Protein backbone atom coordinates (compact mmCIF):
# COMPACT_ATOMS: atom_id res chain seq x y z
CA MET A 1 -112.67 -37.93 48.60
CA LYS A 2 -112.44 -35.33 51.41
CA LYS A 3 -116.14 -34.35 53.09
CA VAL A 4 -117.25 -30.76 52.75
CA ASN A 5 -117.87 -29.52 56.35
CA THR A 6 -120.37 -26.53 57.29
CA ILE A 7 -117.62 -24.45 57.59
CA THR A 8 -116.42 -24.89 54.27
CA LEU A 9 -119.41 -24.21 52.75
CA THR A 10 -120.46 -21.37 54.59
CA SER A 11 -117.51 -19.90 53.51
CA ILE A 12 -118.04 -20.66 49.96
CA ALA A 13 -121.29 -18.84 49.72
CA ILE A 14 -120.16 -15.71 52.09
CA MET A 15 -117.55 -15.21 49.08
CA SER A 16 -120.10 -16.02 46.60
CA ALA A 17 -121.78 -13.31 48.21
CA VAL A 18 -118.39 -10.68 48.24
CA LEU A 19 -118.12 -11.11 44.66
CA CYS A 20 -122.34 -10.58 44.18
CA VAL A 21 -121.80 -7.22 46.42
CA LEU A 22 -118.36 -6.29 44.40
CA GLY A 23 -119.37 -7.39 41.17
CA PRO A 24 -121.37 -5.13 40.77
CA MET A 25 -118.97 -1.76 41.61
CA SER A 26 -117.66 -0.67 38.72
CA ILE A 27 -116.35 2.54 37.21
CA SER A 28 -117.10 2.80 32.98
CA LEU A 29 -115.19 4.47 30.70
CA PRO A 30 -116.16 6.77 27.97
CA PHE A 31 -114.36 4.60 25.28
CA SER A 32 -114.53 1.34 26.19
CA PRO A 33 -117.68 -0.89 26.91
CA VAL A 34 -115.55 -2.99 29.74
CA PRO A 35 -116.30 -1.00 32.73
CA ILE A 36 -112.87 -1.20 35.91
CA SER A 37 -114.69 -4.07 37.99
CA PHE A 38 -113.93 -4.69 41.60
CA ALA A 39 -115.10 -8.27 41.02
CA THR A 40 -111.31 -9.21 40.40
CA ILE A 41 -110.21 -8.59 43.84
CA GLY A 42 -113.60 -10.48 45.77
CA ILE A 43 -111.73 -13.70 42.90
CA PHE A 44 -108.82 -13.04 44.35
CA LEU A 45 -109.45 -12.75 48.26
CA SER A 46 -112.00 -15.62 47.47
CA LEU A 47 -108.80 -17.45 46.62
CA TYR A 48 -106.80 -16.81 49.69
CA VAL A 49 -109.74 -17.63 52.03
CA LEU A 50 -110.63 -20.83 50.41
CA GLY A 51 -107.99 -21.97 47.95
CA ALA A 52 -107.79 -22.62 44.20
CA LYS A 53 -110.63 -25.24 44.62
CA PHE A 54 -113.56 -23.46 46.61
CA GLY A 55 -112.25 -20.60 45.54
CA SER A 56 -112.91 -21.24 41.89
CA LEU A 57 -116.48 -23.02 42.68
CA SER A 58 -117.15 -19.68 44.83
CA VAL A 59 -116.11 -17.80 41.40
CA ILE A 60 -118.72 -20.50 39.18
CA ILE A 61 -121.52 -20.12 41.43
CA TYR A 62 -121.31 -16.19 41.24
CA LEU A 63 -121.27 -15.96 37.57
CA ILE A 64 -124.38 -18.65 37.43
CA LEU A 65 -126.25 -16.30 39.43
CA GLY A 66 -125.28 -13.40 37.11
CA VAL A 67 -126.36 -15.49 34.27
CA ILE A 68 -129.71 -16.51 35.59
CA GLY A 69 -130.56 -12.68 35.72
CA LEU A 70 -129.72 -11.64 39.48
CA PRO A 71 -127.60 -7.96 38.88
CA VAL A 72 -124.70 -8.80 40.25
CA PHE A 73 -122.25 -8.21 36.84
CA SER A 74 -121.08 -4.79 36.29
CA THR A 75 -123.35 -1.71 36.71
CA PHE A 76 -126.07 -4.06 38.26
CA SER A 77 -126.54 -6.46 35.02
CA GLY A 78 -127.13 -9.72 34.89
CA GLY A 79 -128.55 -12.26 32.41
CA ILE A 80 -127.03 -14.50 29.68
CA GLY A 81 -126.67 -11.41 27.28
CA LYS A 82 -124.32 -9.85 29.62
CA VAL A 83 -122.24 -12.74 28.86
CA ALA A 84 -123.00 -12.75 25.39
CA GLY A 85 -122.13 -9.13 25.03
CA PRO A 86 -118.90 -7.64 24.61
CA THR A 87 -117.68 -8.08 28.00
CA GLY A 88 -118.85 -11.49 28.01
CA GLY A 89 -115.17 -13.03 27.70
CA TYR A 90 -114.07 -11.62 30.63
CA LEU A 91 -116.51 -12.95 32.98
CA ILE A 92 -115.78 -16.66 31.23
CA GLY A 93 -112.07 -15.57 31.66
CA TYR A 94 -112.94 -15.20 35.67
CA VAL A 95 -113.15 -19.15 35.90
CA PHE A 96 -109.80 -18.91 34.22
CA LEU A 97 -108.52 -16.53 36.67
CA ALA A 98 -109.74 -18.21 39.66
CA VAL A 99 -108.17 -21.69 38.68
CA ILE A 100 -104.80 -20.24 37.29
CA SER A 101 -104.22 -17.71 40.44
CA GLY A 102 -105.37 -20.22 42.86
CA ILE A 103 -102.69 -23.04 41.88
CA PHE A 104 -100.20 -20.41 42.70
CA ILE A 105 -101.23 -19.07 45.89
CA ASP A 106 -101.75 -22.92 47.54
CA LYS A 107 -98.58 -24.30 45.87
CA PHE A 108 -96.59 -21.06 46.74
CA LYS A 109 -98.33 -20.07 50.55
CA ASN A 110 -95.23 -18.63 51.64
CA ASN A 111 -93.64 -17.00 47.96
CA LYS A 112 -95.56 -13.73 47.36
CA LEU A 113 -92.98 -13.39 44.29
CA LEU A 114 -94.44 -16.70 42.87
CA GLN A 115 -98.06 -15.75 44.12
CA PHE A 116 -97.78 -12.30 41.84
CA ILE A 117 -96.78 -14.29 39.12
CA GLY A 118 -99.82 -16.71 39.08
CA MET A 119 -102.31 -13.70 39.75
CA ILE A 120 -100.64 -11.86 36.86
CA SER A 121 -100.71 -15.34 34.80
CA GLY A 122 -104.26 -15.97 35.52
CA THR A 123 -105.23 -11.93 34.33
CA LEU A 124 -103.12 -12.44 31.41
CA PHE A 125 -105.62 -15.34 30.61
CA CYS A 126 -108.74 -13.66 31.31
CA TYR A 127 -107.48 -10.79 29.22
CA LEU A 128 -106.79 -13.18 26.13
CA ILE A 129 -110.01 -14.62 26.47
CA GLY A 130 -112.01 -11.68 27.20
CA THR A 131 -110.13 -9.67 24.44
CA ILE A 132 -110.43 -12.16 21.79
CA TRP A 133 -114.53 -12.03 22.88
CA LEU A 134 -114.69 -7.98 22.66
CA SER A 135 -112.77 -8.32 19.26
CA PHE A 136 -115.28 -10.78 17.68
CA GLN A 137 -118.74 -8.96 19.76
CA ALA A 138 -117.45 -5.03 18.49
CA ASP A 139 -116.15 -6.28 15.38
CA ILE A 140 -112.47 -5.12 15.80
CA ASN A 141 -108.94 -5.90 15.45
CA PHE A 142 -107.66 -7.51 18.36
CA VAL A 143 -104.60 -4.59 18.85
CA SER A 144 -107.93 -2.12 18.82
CA ALA A 145 -109.62 -4.48 21.42
CA LEU A 146 -106.55 -4.42 23.60
CA THR A 147 -106.24 -0.72 23.54
CA ILE A 148 -109.94 -0.43 25.05
CA GLY A 149 -110.32 -3.76 26.89
CA VAL A 150 -106.96 -3.88 28.49
CA PHE A 151 -104.27 -1.78 28.30
CA PRO A 152 -106.49 1.12 30.21
CA TYR A 153 -106.88 -1.65 33.11
CA ILE A 154 -103.78 -2.60 33.67
CA VAL A 155 -102.59 -0.76 36.37
CA PHE A 156 -106.03 -1.27 38.11
CA ASP A 157 -105.78 -4.91 38.01
CA LEU A 158 -101.97 -4.64 39.45
CA THR A 159 -103.11 -2.52 42.10
CA LYS A 160 -105.91 -5.12 43.08
CA ILE A 161 -103.46 -7.99 42.74
CA VAL A 162 -101.36 -6.36 45.15
CA PHE A 163 -103.64 -5.50 47.38
CA SER A 164 -104.69 -8.47 47.62
CA ILE A 165 -100.94 -10.65 48.31
CA LEU A 166 -100.97 -8.34 51.13
CA PHE A 167 -103.88 -8.73 52.71
CA GLY A 168 -105.43 -12.13 51.66
CA ASN A 169 -104.02 -14.05 54.30
CA LYS A 170 -105.28 -12.00 56.91
CA ILE A 171 -108.78 -11.54 55.98
CA ARG A 172 -108.65 -15.12 55.31
CA ASP A 173 -107.67 -15.77 58.96
CA ILE A 174 -110.62 -13.21 59.64
CA ILE A 175 -113.21 -14.80 58.14
CA ASN A 176 -111.94 -18.47 59.58
CA ASN A 177 -111.91 -17.56 62.97
CA LYS A 178 -115.34 -15.46 62.90
CA LEU A 179 -116.54 -18.92 61.61
CA LYS A 180 -115.05 -21.20 64.08
CA ALA A 181 -116.21 -18.73 67.14
């Protein structure tokens, strides 16, 4: 088993902190309980900086911090009630988003198209879990949940994916160079 060094632990902590900073930043939409969240860009960047395994771990740490009550979720909220509420499925979906996207980012380091496909796949899985949960919580059908919980967010999420593909490796290099200095 590979030992985890101090630089790796520090990087996990930094990326968890980045998620805690970006997570509360959100834009509420008047027709939906689901805000436009900046947490997903933090997830993608964590995967570039840390890889699939440790990037996913940083997402889990972020979620645990939110569940125990720190105001790290959208609109500076936290607690188990947020996970149990209408947007909780999307929060849980972050873990699957990280694992799926991270596998593609790790496996296809030099293939931006396959990284894009992986991040789209992870995002779609997050959408699926979130939409099922939103449908259940809001007592609406699946198509209605898609209408208020997915369709308005597609352009924003595609933008975050493209940004991450363009700058993820550069941000990783900057962080790694600073930590090793």
